[in-house]
Amino acid sequence: MKGEIEVAGLVLFARHGVNEAEEKLGQRFFLDLVLELDVAESVRSDKLADTVDYGEVVAIAEAAFRARRFYLIEAVAAHVANSLLAHFPRATSVRVTVRKPSAPVPAVIDHVAATVTRRRDG
């Protein structure tokens, strides 16, 4: 039985970005994380040990997001996705969206975003 574990709107502060001001001042980023997995066992057992612990998902994503300074949000999204897929063998795929509400663009915007999907089979 296919299912998903989702963490939406994780807010993290970092100094990612191309501009010098982004490095100096930093800014908030919003992450949306979706891990696809077979939930048949956890549905039957109703035990945390048979699924993916979303508290652990948050901890792994945060550590990966802050591992170093990234210039591009797609690069940091890929790093987070790779880290989650490596840490959670039950996950068959991981989708990570990084939203940047304070992107230095000459326009009024809600945010810019990059989404990366990684699958265990490639």
PDB file of N, CA and C in Angstrom:
ATOM      1  N   MET A   1       0.840  -1.168   0.000  1.00  0.00           N
ATOM      2  CA  MET A   1       0.000   0.000   0.000  1.00  0.00           C
ATOM      3  C   MET A   1       0.891   1.239   0.000  1.00  0.00           C
ATOM      4  N   LYS A   2       0.789   2.023  -1.048  1.00  0.00           N
ATOM      5  CA  LYS A   2       1.623   3.213  -1.182  1.00  0.00           C
ATOM      6  C   LYS A   2       1.070   4.350  -0.330  1.00  0.00           C
ATOM      7  N   GLY A   3       1.969   5.061   0.335  1.00  0.00           N
ATOM      8  CA  GLY A   3       1.580   6.205   1.144  1.00  0.00           C
ATOM      9  C   GLY A   3       2.668   7.257   1.156  1.00  0.00           C
ATOM     10  N   GLU A   4       2.371   8.361   1.797  1.00  0.00           N
ATOM     11  CA  GLU A   4       3.335   9.461   1.888  1.00  0.00           C
ATOM     12  C   GLU A   4       3.373  10.004   3.307  1.00  0.00           C
ATOM     13  N   ILE A   5       4.555  10.422   3.704  1.00  0.00           N
ATOM     14  CA  ILE A   5       4.751  11.205   4.919  1.00  0.00           C
ATOM     15  C   ILE A   5       5.139  12.599   4.437  1.00  0.00           C
ATOM     16  N   GLU A   6       4.420  13.608   4.897  1.00  0.00           N
ATOM     17  CA  GLU A   6       4.672  14.973   4.433  1.00  0.00           C
ATOM     18  C   GLU A   6       4.954  15.886   5.616  1.00  0.00           C
ATOM     19  N   VAL A   7       5.956  16.717   5.454  1.00  0.00           N
ATOM     20  CA  VAL A   7       6.249  17.801   6.386  1.00  0.00           C
ATOM     21  C   VAL A   7       6.161  19.075   5.550  1.00  0.00           C
ATOM     22  N   ALA A   8       5.200  19.933   5.859  1.00  0.00           N
ATOM     23  CA  ALA A   8       4.962  21.129   5.048  1.00  0.00           C
ATOM     24  C   ALA A   8       5.300  22.396   5.826  1.00  0.00           C
ATOM     25  N   GLY A   9       6.007  23.299   5.162  1.00  0.00           N
ATOM     26  CA  GLY A   9       6.270  24.606   5.735  1.00  0.00           C
ATOM     27  C   GLY A   9       7.309  24.646   6.835  1.00  0.00           C
ATOM     28  N   LEU A  10       8.290  23.757   6.778  1.00  0.00           N
ATOM     29  CA  LEU A  10       9.393  23.798   7.742  1.00  0.00           C
ATOM     30  C   LEU A  10      10.187  25.083   7.511  1.00  0.00           C
ATOM     31  N   VAL A  11      10.293  25.917   8.534  1.00  0.00           N
ATOM     32  CA  VAL A  11      10.974  27.204   8.415  1.00  0.00           C
ATOM     33  C   VAL A  11      12.391  27.081   8.967  1.00  0.00           C
ATOM     34  N   LEU A  12      13.360  27.419   8.120  1.00  0.00           N
ATOM     35  CA  LEU A  12      14.768  27.376   8.531  1.00  0.00           C
ATOM     36  C   LEU A  12      15.457  28.667   8.104  1.00  0.00           C
ATOM     37  N   PHE A  13      16.364  29.129   8.919  1.00  0.00           N
ATOM     38  CA  PHE A  13      17.164  30.310   8.608  1.00  0.00           C
ATOM     39  C   PHE A  13      18.524  29.850   8.103  1.00  0.00           C
ATOM     40  N   ALA A  14      19.000  30.471   7.036  1.00  0.00           N
ATOM     41  CA  ALA A  14      20.322  30.123   6.502  1.00  0.00           C
ATOM     42  C   ALA A  14      20.867  31.292   5.696  1.00  0.00           C
ATOM     43  N   ARG A  15      22.093  31.133   5.264  1.00  0.00           N
ATOM     44  CA  ARG A  15      22.780  32.171   4.489  1.00  0.00           C
ATOM     45  C   ARG A  15      23.014  31.716   3.049  1.00  0.00           C
ATOM     46  N   HIS A  16      22.070  30.972   2.496  1.00  0.00           N
ATOM     47  CA  HIS A  16      22.178  30.492   1.123  1.00  0.00           C
ATOM     48  C   HIS A  16      21.862  31.623   0.146  1.00  0.00           C
ATOM     49  N   GLY A  17      22.499  31.569  -1.023  1.00  0.00           N
ATOM     50  CA  GLY A  17      22.225  32.550  -2.073  1.00  0.00           C
ATOM     51  C   GLY A  17      23.496  33.004  -2.743  1.00  0.00           C
ATOM     52  N   VAL A  18      23.333  33.633  -3.879  1.00  0.00           N
ATOM     53  CA  VAL A  18      24.451  34.085  -4.698  1.00  0.00           C
ATOM     54  C   VAL A  18      24.988  35.429  -4.226  1.00  0.00           C
ATOM     55  N   ASN A  19      24.111  36.306  -3.795  1.00  0.00           N
ATOM     56  CA  ASN A  19      24.515  37.673  -3.443  1.00  0.00           C
ATOM     57  C   ASN A  19      25.245  37.743  -2.111  1.00  0.00           C
ATOM     58  N   GLU A  20      26.158  38.713  -2.025  1.00  0.00           N
ATOM     59  CA  GLU A  20      26.924  38.916  -0.800  1.00  0.00           C
ATOM     60  C   GLU A  20      26.008  39.247   0.379  1.00  0.00           C
ATOM     61  N   ALA A  21      24.957  40.015   0.125  1.00  0.00           N
ATOM     62  CA  ALA A  21      24.025  40.381   1.196  1.00  0.00           C
ATOM     63  C   ALA A  21      23.313  39.153   1.750  1.00  0.00           C
ATOM     64  N   GLU A  22      23.022  38.180   0.893  1.00  0.00           N
ATOM     65  CA  GLU A  22      22.374  36.953   1.360  1.00  0.00           C
ATOM     66  C   GLU A  22      23.291  36.178   2.297  1.00  0.00           C
ATOM     67  N   GLU A  23      24.572  36.202   1.986  1.00  0.00           N
ATOM     68  CA  GLU A  23      25.541  35.528   2.852  1.00  0.00           C
ATOM     69  C   GLU A  23      25.681  36.264   4.184  1.00  0.00           C
ATOM     70  N   LYS A  24      25.727  37.575   4.111  1.00  0.00           N
ATOM     71  CA  LYS A  24      25.941  38.375   5.311  1.00  0.00           C
ATOM     72  C   LYS A  24      24.714  38.382   6.226  1.00  0.00           C
ATOM     73  N   LEU A  25      23.540  38.617   5.663  1.00  0.00           N
ATOM     74  CA  LEU A  25      22.333  38.777   6.463  1.00  0.00           C
ATOM     75  C   LEU A  25      21.576  37.473   6.705  1.00  0.00           C
ATOM     76  N   GLY A  26      21.608  36.584   5.726  1.00  0.00           N
ATOM     77  CA  GLY A  26      20.810  35.374   5.819  1.00  0.00           C
ATOM     78  C   GLY A  26      19.333  35.673   5.633  1.00  0.00           C
ATOM     79  N   GLN A  27      18.526  34.629   5.614  1.00  0.00           N
ATOM     80  CA  GLN A  27      17.088  34.798   5.436  1.00  0.00           C
ATOM     81  C   GLN A  27      16.359  33.504   5.785  1.00  0.00           C
ATOM     82  N   ARG A  28      15.031  33.611   5.849  1.00  0.00           N
ATOM     83  CA  ARG A  28      14.198  32.432   6.107  1.00  0.00           C
ATOM     84  C   ARG A  28      13.926  31.704   4.796  1.00  0.00           C
ATOM     85  N   PHE A  29      13.878  30.396   4.904  1.00  0.00           N
ATOM     86  CA  PHE A  29      13.494  29.519   3.803  1.00  0.00           C
ATOM     87  C   PHE A  29      12.381  28.621   4.325  1.00  0.00           C
ATOM     88  N   PHE A  30      11.531  28.161   3.419  1.00  0.00           N
ATOM     89  CA  PHE A  30      10.456  27.241   3.770  1.00  0.00           C
ATOM     90  C   PHE A  30      10.657  25.951   2.990  1.00  0.00           C
ATOM     91  N   LEU A  31      10.639  24.831   3.694  1.00  0.00           N
ATOM     92  CA  LEU A  31      10.830  23.535   3.045  1.00  0.00           C
ATOM     93  C   LEU A  31       9.563  22.704   3.145  1.00  0.00           C
ATOM     94  N   ASP A  32       9.233  22.043   2.049  1.00  0.00           N
ATOM     95  CA  ASP A  32       8.166  21.056   2.015  1.00  0.00           C
ATOM     96  C   ASP A  32       8.822  19.733   1.653  1.00  0.00           C
ATOM     97  N   LEU A  33       8.573  18.718   2.465  1.00  0.00           N
ATOM     98  CA  LEU A  33       9.223  17.416   2.318  1.00  0.00           C
ATOM     99  C   LEU A  33       8.155  16.345   2.164  1.00  0.00           C
ATOM    100  N   VAL A  34       8.295  15.503   1.159  1.00  0.00           N
ATOM    101  CA  VAL A  34       7.358  14.393   0.959  1.00  0.00           C
ATOM    102  C   VAL A  34       8.166  13.126   0.738  1.00  0.00           C
ATOM    103  N   LEU A  35       7.947  12.148   1.598  1.00  0.00           N
ATOM    104  CA  LEU A  35       8.596  10.841   1.464  1.00  0.00           C
ATOM    105  C   LEU A  35       7.534   9.817   1.097  1.00  0.00           C
ATOM    106  N   GLU A  36       7.735   9.134  -0.011  1.00  0.00           N
ATOM    107  CA  GLU A  36       6.819   8.077  -0.434  1.00  0.00           C
ATOM    108  C   GLU A  36       7.335   6.747   0.102  1.00  0.00           C
ATOM    109  N   LEU A  37       6.422   5.912   0.617  1.00  0.00           N
ATOM    110  CA  LEU A  37       6.826   4.628   1.160  1.00  0.00           C
ATOM    111  C   LEU A  37       5.639   3.670   1.176  1.00  0.00           C
ATOM    112  N   ASP A  38       5.948   2.410   1.380  1.00  0.00           N
ATOM    113  CA  ASP A  38       4.923   1.396   1.547  1.00  0.00           C
ATOM    114  C   ASP A  38       4.450   1.477   2.997  1.00  0.00           C
ATOM    115  N   VAL A  39       3.170   1.775   3.193  1.00  0.00           N
ATOM    116  CA  VAL A  39       2.656   1.948   4.549  1.00  0.00           C
ATOM    117  C   VAL A  39       1.851   0.738   5.041  1.00  0.00           C
ATOM    118  N   ALA A  40       1.829  -0.346   4.276  1.00  0.00           N
ATOM    119  CA  ALA A  40       1.016  -1.509   4.641  1.00  0.00           C
ATOM    120  C   ALA A  40       1.345  -2.014   6.052  1.00  0.00           C
ATOM    121  N   GLU A  41       2.628  -2.150   6.354  1.00  0.00           N
ATOM    122  CA  GLU A  41       3.038  -2.673   7.663  1.00  0.00           C
ATOM    123  C   GLU A  41       2.648  -1.723   8.799  1.00  0.00           C
ATOM    124  N   SER A  42       2.882  -0.427   8.617  1.00  0.00           N
ATOM    125  CA  SER A  42       2.556   0.529   9.678  1.00  0.00           C
ATOM    126  C   SER A  42       1.052   0.687   9.865  1.00  0.00           C
ATOM    127  N   VAL A  43       0.290   0.553   8.802  1.00  0.00           N
ATOM    128  CA  VAL A  43      -1.171   0.613   8.915  1.00  0.00           C
ATOM    129  C   VAL A  43      -1.679  -0.570   9.743  1.00  0.00           C
ATOM    130  N   ARG A  44      -1.109  -1.743   9.515  1.00  0.00           N
ATOM    131  CA  ARG A  44      -1.504  -2.936  10.277  1.00  0.00           C
ATOM    132  C   ARG A  44      -1.067  -2.848  11.741  1.00  0.00           C
ATOM    133  N   SER A  45       0.184  -2.451  11.963  1.00  0.00           N
ATOM    134  CA  SER A  45       0.741  -2.501  13.320  1.00  0.00           C
ATOM    135  C   SER A  45       0.441  -1.263  14.161  1.00  0.00           C
ATOM    136  N   ASP A  46       0.285  -0.121  13.506  1.00  0.00           N
ATOM    137  CA  ASP A  46       0.093   1.160  14.197  1.00  0.00           C
ATOM    138  C   ASP A  46       1.283   1.477  15.110  1.00  0.00           C
ATOM    139  N   LYS A  47       2.499   1.090  14.654  1.00  0.00           N
ATOM    140  CA  LYS A  47       3.724   1.308  15.437  1.00  0.00           C
ATOM    141  C   LYS A  47       4.685   2.213  14.677  1.00  0.00           C
ATOM    142  N   LEU A  48       5.273   3.139  15.404  1.00  0.00           N
ATOM    143  CA  LEU A  48       6.236   4.075  14.827  1.00  0.00           C
ATOM    144  C   LEU A  48       7.421   3.358  14.198  1.00  0.00           C
ATOM    145  N   ALA A  49       7.820   2.239  14.775  1.00  0.00           N
ATOM    146  CA  ALA A  49       8.971   1.488  14.263  1.00  0.00           C
ATOM    147  C   ALA A  49       8.736   0.959  12.848  1.00  0.00           C
ATOM    148  N   ASP A  50       7.483   0.933  12.404  1.00  0.00           N
ATOM    149  CA  ASP A  50       7.162   0.384  11.084  1.00  0.00           C
ATOM    150  C   ASP A  50       6.932   1.453  10.025  1.00  0.00           C
ATOM    151  N   THR A  51       7.332   2.682  10.327  1.00  0.00           N
ATOM    152  CA  THR A  51       7.149   3.773   9.368  1.00  0.00           C
ATOM    153  C   THR A  51       8.344   4.714   9.434  1.00  0.00           C
ATOM    154  N   VAL A  52       8.173   5.906   8.938  1.00  0.00           N
ATOM    155  CA  VAL A  52       9.194   6.952   8.979  1.00  0.00           C
ATOM    156  C   VAL A  52       8.777   7.964  10.044  1.00  0.00           C
ATOM    157  N   ASP A  53       9.651   8.221  10.979  1.00  0.00           N
ATOM    158  CA  ASP A  53       9.394   9.173  12.068  1.00  0.00           C
ATOM    159  C   ASP A  53       9.571  10.588  11.534  1.00  0.00           C
ATOM    160  N   TYR A  54       8.482  11.367  11.478  1.00  0.00           N
ATOM    161  CA  TYR A  54       8.598  12.696  10.882  1.00  0.00           C
ATOM    162  C   TYR A  54       9.412  13.661  11.734  1.00  0.00           C
ATOM    163  N   GLY A  55       9.552  13.395  13.018  1.00  0.00           N
ATOM    164  CA  GLY A  55      10.474  14.198  13.827  1.00  0.00           C
ATOM    165  C   GLY A  55      11.911  13.984  13.378  1.00  0.00           C
ATOM    166  N   GLU A  56      12.221  12.749  13.040  1.00  0.00           N
ATOM    167  CA  GLU A  56      13.548  12.429  12.524  1.00  0.00           C
ATOM    168  C   GLU A  56      13.735  13.008  11.120  1.00  0.00           C
ATOM    169  N   VAL A  57      12.669  13.029  10.328  1.00  0.00           N
ATOM    170  CA  VAL A  57      12.715  13.649   8.995  1.00  0.00           C
ATOM    171  C   VAL A  57      13.119  15.117   9.130  1.00  0.00           C
ATOM    172  N   VAL A  58      12.503  15.814  10.068  1.00  0.00           N
ATOM    173  CA  VAL A  58      12.822  17.229  10.291  1.00  0.00           C
ATOM    174  C   VAL A  58      14.281  17.395  10.703  1.00  0.00           C
ATOM    175  N   ALA A  59      14.755  16.572  11.613  1.00  0.00           N
ATOM    176  CA  ALA A  59      16.141  16.679  12.093  1.00  0.00           C
ATOM    177  C   ALA A  59      17.145  16.435  10.968  1.00  0.00           C
ATOM    178  N   ILE A  60      16.912  15.411  10.145  1.00  0.00           N
ATOM    179  CA  ILE A  60      17.825  15.100   9.042  1.00  0.00           C
ATOM    180  C   ILE A  60      17.784  16.212   7.998  1.00  0.00           C
ATOM    181  N   ALA A  61      16.597  16.696   7.680  1.00  0.00           N
ATOM    182  CA  ALA A  61      16.464  17.769   6.687  1.00  0.00           C
ATOM    183  C   ALA A  61      17.155  19.044   7.166  1.00  0.00           C
ATOM    184  N   GLU A  62      16.967  19.389   8.421  1.00  0.00           N
ATOM    185  CA  GLU A  62      17.593  20.592   8.965  1.00  0.00           C
ATOM    186  C   GLU A  62      19.119  20.482   8.943  1.00  0.00           C
ATOM    187  N   ALA A  63      19.641  19.349   9.347  1.00  0.00           N
ATOM    188  CA  ALA A  63      21.098  19.159   9.340  1.00  0.00           C
ATOM    189  C   ALA A  63      21.653  19.252   7.920  1.00  0.00           C
ATOM    190  N   ALA A  64      20.970  18.641   6.970  1.00  0.00           N
ATOM    191  CA  ALA A  64      21.428  18.692   5.573  1.00  0.00           C
ATOM    192  C   ALA A  64      21.330  20.111   5.025  1.00  0.00           C
ATOM    193  N   PHE A  65      20.260  20.806   5.359  1.00  0.00           N
ATOM    194  CA  PHE A  65      20.045  22.170   4.863  1.00  0.00           C
ATOM    195  C   PHE A  65      21.121  23.123   5.366  1.00  0.00           C
ATOM    196  N   ARG A  66      21.598  22.881   6.574  1.00  0.00           N
ATOM    197  CA  ARG A  66      22.594  23.770   7.187  1.00  0.00           C
ATOM    198  C   ARG A  66      24.016  23.219   7.102  1.00  0.00           C
ATOM    199  N   ALA A  67      24.222  22.156   6.345  1.00  0.00           N
ATOM    200  CA  ALA A  67      25.539  21.509   6.268  1.00  0.00           C
ATOM    201  C   ALA A  67      26.619  22.442   5.730  1.00  0.00           C
ATOM    202  N   ARG A  68      26.247  23.302   4.812  1.00  0.00           N
ATOM    203  CA  ARG A  68      27.188  24.275   4.242  1.00  0.00           C
ATOM    204  C   ARG A  68      26.379  25.354   3.551  1.00  0.00           C
ATOM    205  N   ARG A  69      27.052  26.356   3.050  1.00  0.00           N
ATOM    206  CA  ARG A  69      26.370  27.408   2.296  1.00  0.00           C
ATOM    207  C   ARG A  69      26.172  26.940   0.860  1.00  0.00           C
ATOM    208  N   PHE A  70      24.953  27.083   0.377  1.00  0.00           N
ATOM    209  CA  PHE A  70      24.624  26.769  -1.008  1.00  0.00           C
ATOM    210  C   PHE A  70      24.300  28.063  -1.737  1.00  0.00           C
ATOM    211  N   TYR A  71      24.671  28.140  -3.001  1.00  0.00           N
ATOM    212  CA  TYR A  71      24.342  29.302  -3.817  1.00  0.00           C
ATOM    213  C   TYR A  71      22.953  29.179  -4.429  1.00  0.00           C
ATOM    214  N   LEU A  72      22.551  27.967  -4.790  1.00  0.00           N
ATOM    215  CA  LEU A  72      21.288  27.753  -5.494  1.00  0.00           C
ATOM    216  C   LEU A  72      20.318  26.936  -4.653  1.00  0.00           C
ATOM    217  N   ILE A  73      19.044  27.311  -4.705  1.00  0.00           N
ATOM    218  CA  ILE A  73      18.063  26.568  -3.915  1.00  0.00           C
ATOM    219  C   ILE A  73      17.832  25.167  -4.472  1.00  0.00           C
ATOM    220  N   GLU A  74      18.037  24.968  -5.774  1.00  0.00           N
ATOM    221  CA  GLU A  74      17.899  23.605  -6.297  1.00  0.00           C
ATOM    222  C   GLU A  74      19.034  22.705  -5.809  1.00  0.00           C
ATOM    223  N   ALA A  75      20.208  23.284  -5.584  1.00  0.00           N
ATOM    224  CA  ALA A  75      21.328  22.502  -5.053  1.00  0.00           C
ATOM    225  C   ALA A  75      21.067  22.086  -3.607  1.00  0.00           C
ATOM    226  N   VAL A  76      20.545  23.000  -2.805  1.00  0.00           N
ATOM    227  CA  VAL A  76      20.257  22.643  -1.413  1.00  0.00           C
ATOM    228  C   VAL A  76      19.068  21.677  -1.348  1.00  0.00           C
ATOM    229  N   ALA A  77      18.087  21.831  -2.231  1.00  0.00           N
ATOM    230  CA  ALA A  77      16.961  20.885  -2.274  1.00  0.00           C
ATOM    231  C   ALA A  77      17.454  19.474  -2.603  1.00  0.00           C
ATOM    232  N   ALA A  78      18.371  19.361  -3.561  1.00  0.00           N
ATOM    233  CA  ALA A  78      18.922  18.057  -3.937  1.00  0.00           C
ATOM    234  C   ALA A  78      19.715  17.447  -2.783  1.00  0.00           C
ATOM    235  N   HIS A  79      20.476  18.269  -2.084  1.00  0.00           N
ATOM    236  CA  HIS A  79      21.262  17.770  -0.951  1.00  0.00           C
ATOM    237  C   HIS A  79      20.344  17.238   0.151  1.00  0.00           C
ATOM    238  N   VAL A  80      19.282  17.963   0.444  1.00  0.00           N
ATOM    239  CA  VAL A  80      18.327  17.514   1.459  1.00  0.00           C
ATOM    240  C   VAL A  80      17.647  16.224   1.005  1.00  0.00           C
ATOM    241  N   ALA A  81      17.228  16.173  -0.256  1.00  0.00           N
ATOM    242  CA  ALA A  81      16.568  14.966  -0.781  1.00  0.00           C
ATOM    243  C   ALA A  81      17.492  13.758  -0.711  1.00  0.00           C
ATOM    244  N   ASN A  82      18.733  13.925  -1.115  1.00  0.00           N
ATOM    245  CA  ASN A  82      19.697  12.820  -1.063  1.00  0.00           C
ATOM    246  C   ASN A  82      19.924  12.351   0.369  1.00  0.00           C
ATOM    247  N   SER A  83      20.012  13.286   1.298  1.00  0.00           N
ATOM    248  CA  SER A  83      20.226  12.935   2.703  1.00  0.00           C
ATOM    249  C   SER A  83      19.038  12.164   3.271  1.00  0.00           C
ATOM    250  N   LEU A  84      17.833  12.610   2.944  1.00  0.00           N
ATOM    251  CA  LEU A  84      16.641  11.916   3.433  1.00  0.00           C
ATOM    252  C   LEU A  84      16.534  10.513   2.850  1.00  0.00           C
ATOM    253  N   LEU A  85      16.790  10.393   1.552  1.00  0.00           N
ATOM    254  CA  LEU A  85      16.697   9.075   0.914  1.00  0.00           C
ATOM    255  C   LEU A  85      17.742   8.120   1.491  1.00  0.00           C
ATOM    256  N   ALA A  86      18.937   8.636   1.763  1.00  0.00           N
ATOM    257  CA  ALA A  86      19.997   7.805   2.331  1.00  0.00           C
ATOM    258  C   ALA A  86      19.673   7.375   3.764  1.00  0.00           C
ATOM    259  N   HIS A  87      19.012   8.237   4.507  1.00  0.00           N
ATOM    260  CA  HIS A  87      18.754   7.958   5.924  1.00  0.00           C
ATOM    261  C   HIS A  87      17.532   7.070   6.157  1.00  0.00           C
ATOM    262  N   PHE A  88      16.587   7.100   5.249  1.00  0.00           N
ATOM    263  CA  PHE A  88      15.335   6.366   5.448  1.00  0.00           C
ATOM    264  C   PHE A  88      15.169   5.287   4.389  1.00  0.00           C
ATOM    265  N   PRO A  89      15.631   4.069   4.660  1.00  0.00           N
ATOM    266  CA  PRO A  89      15.555   2.994   3.674  1.00  0.00           C
ATOM    267  C   PRO A  89      14.125   2.610   3.294  1.00  0.00           C
ATOM    268  N   ARG A  90      13.152   2.924   4.131  1.00  0.00           N
ATOM    269  CA  ARG A  90      11.749   2.635   3.802  1.00  0.00           C
ATOM    270  C   ARG A  90      11.222   3.548   2.696  1.00  0.00           C
ATOM    271  N   ALA A  91      11.821   4.722   2.537  1.00  0.00           N
ATOM    272  CA  ALA A  91      11.353   5.675   1.527  1.00  0.00           C
ATOM    273  C   ALA A  91      11.759   5.215   0.128  1.00  0.00           C
ATOM    274  N   THR A  92      10.785   5.191  -0.773  1.00  0.00           N
ATOM    275  CA  THR A  92      11.076   4.832  -2.167  1.00  0.00           C
ATOM    276  C   THR A  92      11.364   6.063  -3.003  1.00  0.00           C
ATOM    277  N   SER A  93      10.853   7.223  -2.566  1.00  0.00           N
ATOM    278  CA  SER A  93      11.179   8.480  -3.222  1.00  0.00           C
ATOM    279  C   SER A  93      11.027   9.615  -2.223  1.00  0.00           C
ATOM    280  N   VAL A  94      11.694  10.710  -2.527  1.00  0.00           N
ATOM    281  CA  VAL A  94      11.653  11.906  -1.687  1.00  0.00           C
ATOM    282  C   VAL A  94      11.499  13.111  -2.605  1.00  0.00           C
ATOM    283  N   ARG A  95      10.581  13.995  -2.246  1.00  0.00           N
ATOM    284  CA  ARG A  95      10.416  15.254  -2.984  1.00  0.00           C
ATOM    285  C   ARG A  95      10.650  16.403  -2.009  1.00  0.00           C
ATOM    286  N   VAL A  96      11.547  17.307  -2.362  1.00  0.00           N
ATOM    287  CA  VAL A  96      11.883  18.445  -1.509  1.00  0.00           C
ATOM    288  C   VAL A  96      11.658  19.725  -2.307  1.00  0.00           C
ATOM    289  N   THR A  97      10.861  20.617  -1.739  1.00  0.00           N
ATOM    290  CA  THR A  97      10.672  21.950  -2.310  1.00  0.00           C
ATOM    291  C   THR A  97      11.255  22.959  -1.342  1.00  0.00           C
ATOM    292  N   VAL A  98      12.116  23.834  -1.853  1.00  0.00           N
ATOM    293  CA  VAL A  98      12.681  24.931  -1.061  1.00  0.00           C
ATOM    294  C   VAL A  98      12.093  26.225  -1.607  1.00  0.00           C
ATOM    295  N   ARG A  99      11.401  26.955  -0.725  1.00  0.00           N
ATOM    296  CA  ARG A  99      10.819  28.244  -1.096  1.00  0.00           C
ATOM    297  C   ARG A  99      11.630  29.363  -0.450  1.00  0.00           C
ATOM    298  N   LYS A 100      11.863  30.391  -1.242  1.00  0.00           N
ATOM    299  CA  LYS A 100      12.679  31.524  -0.811  1.00  0.00           C
ATOM    300  C   LYS A 100      11.836  32.795  -0.956  1.00  0.00           C
ATOM    301  N   PRO A 101      11.223  33.256   0.133  1.00  0.00           N
ATOM    302  CA  PRO A 101      10.325  34.403   0.027  1.00  0.00           C
ATOM    303  C   PRO A 101      11.032  35.749  -0.159  1.00  0.00           C
ATOM    304  N   SER A 102      12.277  35.833   0.215  1.00  0.00           N
ATOM    305  CA  SER A 102      13.002  37.108   0.107  1.00  0.00           C
ATOM    306  C   SER A 102      14.036  37.087  -1.011  1.00  0.00           C
ATOM    307  N   ALA A 103      13.697  36.469  -2.115  1.00  0.00           N
ATOM    308  CA  ALA A 103      14.627  36.401  -3.248  1.00  0.00           C
ATOM    309  C   ALA A 103      14.895  37.809  -3.777  1.00  0.00           C
ATOM    310  N   PRO A 104      16.153  38.099  -4.056  1.00  0.00           N
ATOM    311  CA  PRO A 104      16.510  39.440  -4.538  1.00  0.00           C
ATOM    312  C   PRO A 104      16.188  39.606  -6.035  1.00  0.00           C
ATOM    313  N   VAL A 105      14.919  39.796  -6.329  1.00  0.00           N
ATOM    314  CA  VAL A 105      14.482  40.007  -7.710  1.00  0.00           C
ATOM    315  C   VAL A 105      13.747  41.345  -7.784  1.00  0.00           C
ATOM    316  N   PRO A 106      13.811  42.018  -8.931  1.00  0.00           N
ATOM    317  CA  PRO A 106      13.175  43.335  -9.059  1.00  0.00           C
ATOM    318  C   PRO A 106      11.681  43.227  -9.358  1.00  0.00           C
ATOM    319  N   ALA A 107      10.963  42.585  -8.451  1.00  0.00           N
ATOM    320  CA  ALA A 107       9.523  42.414  -8.619  1.00  0.00           C
ATOM    321  C   ALA A 107       8.899  42.086  -7.279  1.00  0.00           C
ATOM    322  N   VAL A 108       7.610  42.310  -7.169  1.00  0.00           N
ATOM    323  CA  VAL A 108       6.873  41.912  -5.982  1.00  0.00           C
ATOM    324  C   VAL A 108       6.426  40.467  -6.208  1.00  0.00           C
ATOM    325  N   ILE A 109       6.922  39.556  -5.353  1.00  0.00           N
ATOM    326  CA  ILE A 109       6.606  38.131  -5.485  1.00  0.00           C
ATOM    327  C   ILE A 109       6.279  37.561  -4.116  1.00  0.00           C
ATOM    328  N   ASP A 110       5.609  36.439  -4.117  1.00  0.00           N
ATOM    329  CA  ASP A 110       5.382  35.713  -2.874  1.00  0.00           C
ATOM    330  C   ASP A 110       6.643  34.941  -2.504  1.00  0.00           C
ATOM    331  N   HIS A 111       7.217  34.231  -3.484  1.00  0.00           N
ATOM    332  CA  HIS A 111       8.445  33.467  -3.270  1.00  0.00           C
ATOM    333  C   HIS A 111       8.921  32.904  -4.605  1.00  0.00           C
ATOM    334  N   VAL A 112      10.157  32.464  -4.612  1.00  0.00           N
ATOM    335  CA  VAL A 112      10.664  31.610  -5.688  1.00  0.00           C
ATOM    336  C   VAL A 112      10.865  30.235  -5.051  1.00  0.00           C
ATOM    337  N   ALA A 113      10.857  29.188  -5.877  1.00  0.00           N
ATOM    338  CA  ALA A 113      10.977  27.843  -5.316  1.00  0.00           C
ATOM    339  C   ALA A 113      11.692  26.928  -6.306  1.00  0.00           C
ATOM    340  N   ALA A 114      12.274  25.894  -5.752  1.00  0.00           N
ATOM    341  CA  ALA A 114      12.870  24.813  -6.556  1.00  0.00           C
ATOM    342  C   ALA A 114      12.448  23.506  -5.906  1.00  0.00           C
ATOM    343  N   THR A 115      12.070  22.547  -6.757  1.00  0.00           N
ATOM    344  CA  THR A 115      11.664  21.233  -6.281  1.00  0.00           C
ATOM    345  C   THR A 115      12.534  20.173  -6.926  1.00  0.00           C
ATOM    346  N   VAL A 116      13.001  19.243  -6.099  1.00  0.00           N
ATOM    347  CA  VAL A 116      13.829  18.127  -6.563  1.00  0.00           C
ATOM    348  C   VAL A 116      13.195  16.838  -6.075  1.00  0.00           C
ATOM    349  N   THR A 117      13.120  15.858  -6.953  1.00  0.00           N
ATOM    350  CA  THR A 117      12.630  14.534  -6.585  1.00  0.00           C
ATOM    351  C   THR A 117      13.722  13.523  -6.792  1.00  0.00           C
ATOM    352  N   ARG A 118      13.936  12.680  -5.791  1.00  0.00           N
ATOM    353  CA  ARG A 118      14.906  11.592  -5.884  1.00  0.00           C
ATOM    354  C   ARG A 118      14.168  10.270  -5.655  1.00  0.00           C
ATOM    355  N   ARG A 119      14.487   9.287  -6.486  1.00  0.00           N
ATOM    356  CA  ARG A 119      13.895   7.958  -6.340  1.00  0.00           C
ATOM    357  C   ARG A 119      14.998   6.957  -6.043  1.00  0.00           C
ATOM    358  N   ARG A 120      14.652   5.971  -5.290  1.00  0.00           N
ATOM    359  CA  ARG A 120      15.630   4.962  -4.915  1.00  0.00           C
ATOM    360  C   ARG A 120      16.159   4.225  -6.142  1.00  0.00           C
ATOM    361  N   ASP A 121      15.360   4.088  -7.170  1.00  0.00           N
ATOM    362  CA  ASP A 121      15.791   3.380  -8.386  1.00  0.00           C
ATOM    363  C   ASP A 121      16.496   4.298  -9.374  1.00  0.00           C
ATOM    364  N   GLY A 122      16.865   5.471  -8.978  1.00  0.00           N
ATOM    365  CA  GLY A 122      17.596   6.377  -9.855  1.00  0.00           C
ATOM    366  C   GLY A 122      16.927   7.673  -9.961  1.00  0.00           C
TER     367      GLY A 122
END
